[in-house]
Amino acid sequence: MRVDQFDFLLPADCIPDRPVNPRDSARLLHVNDAGLSDRRVCDLPGLLRDGDVLVFNDTRVIPARLYGKRGESDIEILLHRPEAAGVWHALARPAKRLKPGDTVSFSDTFAAEILGRADDGSVRIQFNLDPSALSAALQEHGHMPLPPYMGREDDAQDREDYQTIYASHDGAIAAPTAGLHFTGDLMAALSAKGIETSFLTLHVGLGTFQPMKVDDTDNHVMHRERAYVSEDVSWQLTKAKAEGRRIVAVGTTSLRTLESAAGKNGEIRPFDAETDLFIVPGYSFKAVDVLMTNFHLPKSTLFMLVSAFSGTDRMKAVYDHAIKSGYRFYSYGDACLLDCGRLP
């Protein structure tokens, strides 16, 4: 399938570098078989059904961008996947200057040794700190890994803005952005409506946001990302599906985790593994009935995923409406609720 089938023109002024406040005042484009409806995220309880189960990704974004020195050279490190205690795969800039045995220093007491290259081209590094000390050092010296399209460096406000209110497990290098819209008041309103909530974990890495560098989807290889579905959650979701209730994925990372954990007949199994699931049109969904997600990049794996979920032509029409109506795109942008019969 050609990647250029998923291209569209996106004006630069559709991309915000700050979220709206409060979070649940963001716009929400409701997409169902009756058409399109312009709403707000705070309207979500009225758009869902009693008994629906909202599934959230509770990963926590770590300050994964580090600026250090190798001798007199400036080095930027972006962590993206842990391998073992203190050992990470990372992107480095400029990577060509780094050789095995080199040390990159981030402070007088915080450094990493270059171990070599991984098969995917990333750099393998080993920190000089134990896990608890490393976590503290990242909090002190690391930066929130804002996407480059925001066009600015992170600041103290991003430590709050670029994190869901329910984030629980450290490990992501990017936020599960659909979840950024939720507030305590909205969660309470959903509960009062009889809508269940459930939490799984996918540590968002390069696999979710890496740009397409090929012309055909058959040639694209997703980076692996660690995901976890507990036995309790698998039982809750399988029971809901057996009772004819809908599974509503909050974000593409929740959807990819659920589909990775799903059996052929739709039951959700416990899952603790890496996933490189790449969803394009023609994929047969087994677990997820409704998807809430932000608006995504042209020619991205995420736009391909929503096209697989709701139909490429429909999603191009949805995005055309969103652009003309002034919706905000990407991480700090608005959202859509795909609540429609899926099309080929």
Protein backbone atom coordinates (compact mmCIF):
# COMPACT_ATOMS: atom_id res chain seq x y z
CA MET A 1 0.00 0.00 0.00
CA ARG A 2 1.54 3.32 -1.06
CA VAL A 3 2.30 5.76 1.76
CA ASP A 4 1.25 8.77 -0.33
CA GLN A 5 -2.36 7.50 -0.17
CA PHE A 6 -2.35 8.83 3.39
CA ASP A 7 -1.11 12.32 2.61
CA PHE A 8 -3.04 15.54 3.18
CA LEU A 9 -2.23 19.25 3.43
CA LEU A 10 -1.95 20.49 7.00
CA PRO A 11 -1.48 24.24 7.62
CA ALA A 12 1.21 25.06 10.17
CA ASP A 13 -1.21 27.14 12.24
CA CYS A 14 -3.15 23.95 13.11
CA ILE A 15 -0.29 22.81 15.35
CA PRO A 16 -0.30 24.30 18.88
CA ASP A 17 2.68 24.30 21.23
CA ARG A 18 0.53 24.58 24.38
CA PRO A 19 -2.64 22.74 25.44
CA VAL A 20 -5.95 24.38 26.27
CA ASN A 21 -6.89 24.92 29.92
CA PRO A 22 -8.81 23.21 31.43
CA ARG A 23 -7.79 20.03 29.64
CA ASP A 24 -11.34 18.79 29.03
CA SER A 25 -12.32 22.03 27.27
CA ALA A 26 -10.48 20.77 24.17
CA ARG A 27 -12.67 20.26 21.13
CA LEU A 28 -13.94 16.77 20.32
CA LEU A 29 -15.12 15.83 16.84
CA HIS A 30 -17.71 13.07 17.24
CA VAL A 31 -17.71 10.78 14.20
CA ASN A 32 -20.58 8.31 13.89
CA ASP A 33 -22.75 6.87 11.15
CA ALA A 34 -25.01 9.93 11.31
CA GLY A 35 -22.11 12.23 10.39
CA LEU A 36 -19.87 14.68 12.22
CA SER A 37 -20.67 16.65 15.36
CA ASP A 38 -18.50 19.38 16.90
CA ARG A 39 -18.36 18.89 20.66
CA ARG A 40 -16.02 19.29 23.65
CA VAL A 41 -14.13 16.57 25.53
CA CYS A 42 -16.21 17.41 28.61
CA ASP A 43 -19.25 16.20 26.61
CA LEU A 44 -17.82 12.68 26.48
CA PRO A 45 -20.09 11.14 29.17
CA GLY A 46 -23.13 12.00 27.07
CA LEU A 47 -21.61 10.52 23.92
CA LEU A 48 -20.87 7.10 25.41
CA ARG A 49 -23.22 4.34 26.51
CA ASP A 50 -23.86 3.02 29.99
CA GLY A 51 -21.62 -0.01 30.44
CA ASP A 52 -18.95 1.11 27.97
CA VAL A 53 -15.42 0.46 29.21
CA LEU A 54 -12.87 3.22 28.66
CA VAL A 55 -9.33 1.81 28.46
CA PHE A 56 -6.47 4.16 29.34
CA ASN A 57 -2.70 3.87 28.96
CA ASP A 58 -1.19 4.70 32.36
CA THR A 59 2.44 4.99 31.26
CA ARG A 60 4.40 7.94 32.67
CA VAL A 61 6.62 10.10 30.45
CA ILE A 62 10.19 10.28 31.72
CA PRO A 63 12.51 13.26 31.11
CA ALA A 64 14.21 11.24 28.39
CA ARG A 65 16.14 13.99 26.56
CA LEU A 66 19.63 14.62 27.93
CA TYR A 67 22.27 17.16 26.93
CA GLY A 68 25.85 16.18 27.69
CA LYS A 69 29.48 16.41 26.70
CA ARG A 70 31.98 13.99 25.17
CA GLY A 71 35.18 15.92 25.71
CA GLU A 72 34.47 19.32 24.17
CA SER A 73 31.67 18.06 21.90
CA ASP A 74 28.00 18.66 22.68
CA ILE A 75 25.94 15.47 22.58
CA GLU A 76 22.14 15.10 22.72
CA ILE A 77 20.73 11.78 23.89
CA LEU A 78 17.10 10.67 23.58
CA LEU A 79 16.35 7.48 25.49
CA HIS A 80 13.79 5.27 23.83
CA ARG A 81 13.93 1.69 25.14
CA PRO A 82 15.44 0.03 28.22
CA GLU A 83 17.40 -3.19 27.70
CA ALA A 84 18.51 -4.03 31.24
CA ALA A 85 19.17 -2.26 34.52
CA GLY A 86 21.00 0.95 33.59
CA VAL A 87 21.28 -0.02 29.90
CA TRP A 88 19.19 1.86 27.34
CA HIS A 89 18.80 2.15 23.61
CA ALA A 90 18.94 5.81 22.61
CA LEU A 91 19.12 8.17 19.69
CA ALA A 92 22.23 10.33 19.76
CA ARG A 93 23.11 13.53 17.93
CA PRO A 94 25.67 13.68 16.42
CA ALA A 95 25.83 9.88 16.54
CA LYS A 96 28.85 9.57 14.24
CA ARG A 97 31.12 11.08 16.87
CA LEU A 98 30.36 8.33 19.39
CA LYS A 99 32.44 5.17 19.60
CA PRO A 100 32.25 2.19 21.99
CA GLY A 101 33.98 3.09 25.22
CA ASP A 102 33.26 6.82 24.93
CA THR A 103 31.75 8.55 27.95
CA VAL A 104 29.06 11.22 27.74
CA SER A 105 28.86 13.34 30.90
CA PHE A 106 25.66 15.08 31.98
CA SER A 107 27.00 16.37 35.31
CA ASP A 108 29.96 15.77 37.61
CA THR A 109 28.31 12.59 38.93
CA PHE A 110 26.01 11.51 36.09
CA ALA A 111 27.39 9.92 32.92
CA ALA A 112 26.87 7.12 30.40
CA GLU A 113 29.26 4.86 28.53
CA ILE A 114 28.68 4.08 24.86
CA LEU A 115 28.42 0.29 24.46
CA GLY A 116 27.87 0.15 20.71
CA ARG A 117 25.12 0.11 18.12
CA ALA A 118 21.86 -1.82 18.14
CA ASP A 119 20.41 -3.50 15.06
CA ASP A 120 17.96 -0.63 14.57
CA GLY A 121 20.75 1.95 14.39
CA SER A 122 20.27 3.34 17.87
CA VAL A 123 23.10 3.66 20.38
CA ARG A 124 23.35 1.34 23.38
CA ILE A 125 24.43 3.20 26.51
CA GLN A 126 25.05 2.22 30.12
CA PHE A 127 24.54 4.74 32.91
CA ASN A 128 26.84 4.90 35.92
CA LEU A 129 23.95 4.93 38.43
CA ASP A 130 21.70 2.30 39.97
CA PRO A 131 18.00 2.40 38.97
CA SER A 132 16.75 4.59 41.84
CA ALA A 133 19.62 7.06 41.48
CA LEU A 134 19.15 7.08 37.69
CA SER A 135 15.48 7.98 38.07
CA ALA A 136 16.41 10.90 40.32
CA ALA A 137 19.16 12.03 37.94
CA LEU A 138 16.77 12.02 34.99
CA GLN A 139 14.33 14.16 36.96
CA GLU A 140 17.11 16.61 37.75
CA HIS A 141 18.99 16.73 34.44
CA GLY A 142 16.55 15.36 31.85
CA HIS A 143 14.12 17.27 29.68
CA MET A 144 10.60 16.32 28.66
CA PRO A 145 10.86 14.91 25.12
CA LEU A 146 8.49 17.28 23.34
CA PRO A 147 7.94 16.40 19.67
CA PRO A 148 10.15 18.50 17.37
CA TYR A 149 7.17 19.98 15.51
CA MET A 150 6.38 22.12 18.58
CA GLY A 151 9.42 24.15 17.65
CA ARG A 152 10.53 25.00 21.18
CA GLU A 153 12.43 23.61 24.16
CA ASP A 154 10.51 22.15 27.08
CA ASP A 155 9.95 24.14 30.25
CA ALA A 156 8.65 23.57 33.78
CA GLN A 157 4.99 23.75 32.67
CA ASP A 158 5.49 20.80 30.32
CA ARG A 159 6.31 18.58 33.32
CA GLU A 160 2.59 18.87 34.14
CA ASP A 161 1.04 19.44 30.72
CA TYR A 162 2.79 16.53 28.97
CA GLN A 163 1.62 13.95 31.50
CA THR A 164 -1.78 12.33 32.04
CA ILE A 165 -3.36 12.78 35.47
CA TYR A 166 -3.36 8.99 35.98
CA ALA A 167 0.23 8.29 34.85
CA SER A 168 1.62 5.52 37.07
CA HIS A 169 4.49 3.61 35.45
CA ASP A 170 7.71 5.30 34.28
CA GLY A 171 8.95 4.44 30.82
CA ALA A 172 7.40 6.50 27.99
CA ILE A 173 9.32 8.97 25.84
CA ALA A 174 6.12 10.49 24.50
CA ALA A 175 2.74 11.06 26.08
CA PRO A 176 -0.32 8.97 25.19
CA THR A 177 -1.85 12.20 24.01
CA ALA A 178 -5.57 11.35 23.92
CA GLY A 179 -5.31 10.83 27.67
CA LEU A 180 -4.01 14.37 28.22
CA HIS A 181 -7.60 15.66 27.90
CA PHE A 182 -8.91 13.95 31.02
CA THR A 183 -9.46 15.76 34.33
CA GLY A 184 -10.60 14.57 37.74
CA ASP A 185 -14.03 16.12 37.15
CA LEU A 186 -14.39 14.34 33.81
CA MET A 187 -13.41 10.99 35.32
CA ALA A 188 -16.02 11.48 38.05
CA ALA A 189 -18.68 12.36 35.47
CA LEU A 190 -17.89 9.22 33.47
CA SER A 191 -18.20 7.07 36.58
CA ALA A 192 -21.52 8.70 37.48
CA LYS A 193 -22.80 7.82 33.97
CA GLY A 194 -22.04 4.13 34.57
CA ILE A 195 -19.00 4.04 32.31
CA GLU A 196 -16.25 1.74 33.54
CA THR A 197 -12.55 2.53 33.36
CA SER A 198 -9.61 0.20 32.91
CA PHE A 199 -5.85 0.74 32.75
CA LEU A 200 -3.10 -0.96 30.78
CA THR A 201 0.46 0.12 30.06
CA LEU A 202 2.34 0.71 26.83
CA HIS A 203 5.61 2.62 27.19
CA VAL A 204 5.33 4.91 24.20
CA GLY A 205 8.52 4.91 22.16
CA LEU A 206 9.71 5.44 18.62
CA GLY A 207 7.31 2.82 17.29
CA THR A 208 4.34 5.10 17.79
CA PHE A 209 5.69 8.32 16.29
CA GLN A 210 8.57 7.47 13.96
CA PRO A 211 8.18 9.03 10.50
CA MET A 212 7.66 6.89 7.45
CA LYS A 213 10.86 6.65 5.39
CA VAL A 214 9.57 4.25 2.75
CA ASP A 215 7.17 4.55 -0.18
CA ASP A 216 5.22 1.38 0.57
CA THR A 217 3.77 0.28 3.92
CA ASP A 218 5.02 -3.27 3.30
CA ASN A 219 8.58 -1.99 3.76
CA HIS A 220 8.02 -0.17 7.06
CA VAL A 221 9.31 -1.77 10.26
CA MET A 222 7.87 -0.61 13.58
CA HIS A 223 10.11 -0.22 16.62
CA ARG A 224 9.13 -2.49 19.49
CA GLU A 225 7.38 -1.05 22.54
CA ARG A 226 6.80 -2.73 25.90
CA ALA A 227 3.15 -3.34 26.82
CA TYR A 228 1.36 -4.88 29.78
CA VAL A 229 -2.22 -6.05 30.40
CA SER A 230 -2.88 -7.56 33.82
CA GLU A 231 -4.97 -10.64 34.48
CA ASP A 232 -7.61 -8.53 36.26
CA VAL A 233 -7.91 -6.18 33.31
CA SER A 234 -8.01 -9.03 30.79
CA TRP A 235 -10.84 -10.62 32.78
CA GLN A 236 -12.76 -7.31 33.07
CA LEU A 237 -12.56 -6.58 29.34
CA THR A 238 -13.30 -10.12 28.18
CA LYS A 239 -16.35 -10.16 30.45
CA ALA A 240 -17.54 -6.81 29.05
CA LYS A 241 -17.24 -8.07 25.47
CA ALA A 242 -19.09 -11.28 26.33
CA GLU A 243 -21.91 -9.12 27.71
CA GLY A 244 -22.10 -7.10 24.50
CA ARG A 245 -20.60 -3.96 26.01
CA ARG A 246 -18.22 -1.78 24.04
CA ILE A 247 -14.47 -1.39 24.54
CA VAL A 248 -13.46 2.26 24.02
CA ALA A 249 -9.73 2.75 23.56
CA VAL A 250 -8.40 6.10 24.75
CA GLY A 251 -5.60 6.63 22.27
CA THR A 252 -3.87 4.58 19.61
CA THR A 253 -1.42 3.15 22.15
CA SER A 254 -4.27 1.65 24.15
CA LEU A 255 -5.77 0.28 20.94
CA ARG A 256 -2.49 -1.29 19.78
CA THR A 257 -2.00 -2.91 23.18
CA LEU A 258 -5.51 -4.34 23.23
CA GLU A 259 -5.20 -5.66 19.69
CA SER A 260 -1.83 -7.19 20.57
CA ALA A 261 -3.42 -8.94 23.55
CA ALA A 262 -6.60 -10.08 21.79
CA GLY A 263 -7.31 -13.62 20.69
CA LYS A 264 -9.03 -14.46 17.41
CA ASN A 265 -12.45 -14.56 19.04
CA GLY A 266 -11.93 -11.19 20.73
CA GLU A 267 -11.07 -12.25 24.27
CA ILE A 268 -8.42 -10.05 25.88
CA ARG A 269 -5.57 -12.13 27.27
CA PRO A 270 -2.97 -11.11 29.85
CA PHE A 271 -0.02 -9.60 28.03
CA ASP A 272 3.53 -8.77 29.08
CA ALA A 273 5.74 -8.45 26.02
CA GLU A 274 6.99 -6.10 23.35
CA THR A 275 4.69 -5.23 20.48
CA ASP A 276 5.50 -3.95 17.01
CA LEU A 277 1.93 -4.19 15.71
CA PHE A 278 1.53 -2.03 12.59
CA ILE A 279 -2.11 -1.45 11.66
CA VAL A 280 -3.04 -0.42 8.12
CA PRO A 281 -6.32 -0.62 6.17
CA GLY A 282 -7.35 -4.24 5.78
CA TYR A 283 -6.53 -5.09 9.39
CA SER A 284 -9.34 -7.00 11.15
CA PHE A 285 -9.98 -5.48 14.59
CA LYS A 286 -10.65 -8.02 17.33
CA ALA A 287 -10.91 -6.04 20.58
CA VAL A 288 -11.73 -2.34 20.17
CA ASP A 289 -15.16 -0.96 19.26
CA VAL A 290 -14.67 2.82 19.66
CA LEU A 291 -11.52 4.94 19.52
CA MET A 292 -10.81 8.37 21.01
CA THR A 293 -7.64 9.86 19.56
CA ASN A 294 -5.97 13.14 18.66
CA PHE A 295 -5.41 14.30 15.08
CA HIS A 296 -2.27 12.90 13.49
CA LEU A 297 0.48 13.64 10.98
CA PRO A 298 0.04 13.17 7.24
CA LYS A 299 1.56 9.89 6.00
CA SER A 300 2.04 8.67 9.58
CA THR A 301 1.47 5.20 10.99
CA LEU A 302 -1.18 6.75 13.25
CA PHE A 303 -3.20 8.21 10.38
CA MET A 304 -2.96 4.79 8.74
CA LEU A 305 -4.30 3.23 11.94
CA VAL A 306 -7.36 5.51 12.13
CA SER A 307 -7.93 4.94 8.40
CA ALA A 308 -7.93 1.20 9.08
CA PHE A 309 -10.39 1.72 11.92
CA SER A 310 -12.93 3.96 10.19
CA GLY A 311 -12.07 3.93 6.48
CA THR A 312 -9.50 6.00 4.56
CA ASP A 313 -12.04 8.08 2.63
CA ARG A 314 -14.05 8.80 5.76
CA MET A 315 -10.96 9.83 7.71
CA LYS A 316 -9.80 12.14 4.95
CA ALA A 317 -13.23 13.79 5.11
CA VAL A 318 -12.99 13.97 8.92
CA TYR A 319 -9.58 15.62 8.75
CA ASP A 320 -10.72 18.02 6.03
CA HIS A 321 -13.59 19.11 8.29
CA ALA A 322 -11.23 19.43 11.26
CA ILE A 323 -8.77 21.62 9.36
CA LYS A 324 -11.49 23.88 7.92
CA SER A 325 -13.13 24.16 11.37
CA GLY A 326 -9.95 25.15 13.17
CA TYR A 327 -9.29 21.99 15.18
CA ARG A 328 -5.85 21.76 16.77
CA PHE A 329 -3.61 18.86 15.72
CA TYR A 330 -1.02 16.59 17.37
CA SER A 331 0.11 16.23 20.96
CA TYR A 332 -1.36 19.39 22.49
CA GLY A 333 -4.28 19.44 20.07
CA ASP A 334 -7.93 18.44 20.04
CA ALA A 335 -9.44 14.97 19.71
CA CYS A 336 -11.94 12.93 17.75
CA LEU A 337 -14.22 10.12 18.87
CA LEU A 338 -14.52 7.42 16.21
CA ASP A 339 -17.84 5.85 17.05
CA CYS A 340 -18.85 4.49 13.66
CA GLY A 341 -19.26 1.32 11.69
CA ARG A 342 -15.87 0.52 10.20
CA LEU A 343 -15.43 0.80 6.45
CA PRO A 344 -12.97 -0.95 4.14
